[in-house]
Amino acid sequence: MPHSAEHRALRELHVFGRQLTSHWERLGRRLGGPEAGLLAAGAADARALLTEAGALMAARDVPADRAAGFAGRIVSARPSSPDELLERNQALRYALLDVQHVITLLGYAAALAAARGDEELRALCAAGEERLARHERPLRDAIVTLGTRPDEAIAPAVPSAAGRVGQRVAAGAGAFGEWVDRRAIARRGDAPG
């Protein structure tokens, strides 16, 4: 029987793995462009990992569906801003948080399984960590490269009417923040030193 720390980690894997899969599938379809393929491939690998992990969880009497259904509605590894309110670069950076969280969780779960001597579960988690890490770096590199195309980087993440409106609202909030910053800097310049 898994230790309670391991039990919790496996349930979290189910929750955050499902979030990664659904978010990356949805964002890849909406986003298009060169990053869409990276997201689709990562989602497919995460889905396969969840299937494999589900079988091992069931064999260890660690049910996850009910807990995942509830927890998935109230927790997230990334900020709760919907993609429709984000710029392309922001949506991709938030998506990167999904996979980084799951990779770290897999490493932790592998260590827990190893401490208990469960080689089968340790191997699955370690292989899953490696599998998803192969998607993390290319996505991170694509995000950094997007910085060389600033107009594309600040385009709406979701190219729809709602996405364009959301991106305008977010851009307006950003412009307001820049104005506040300029005012603060100007005041500091006027302040006696």
Foldseek 3Di string as FASTA:
>chain_A
DADVVLLVLLLVLLQLLVVLLVLLQVLLVQQPDPCSVLSNQLSVLSVVLNVVSCVVCVVVVRDHPVVSVVVNVPDYQFDPDDLLLAFQLVSLVRSLSSLVVSLVSLCVSLVSCVVVPNVVSNVSSVVSSVVNVVSNVVSVVVSVVCVVVVVNRLHFSGPDPSSNVSSVVNVVVVVVVVVVVVVVVVVVVVDDD
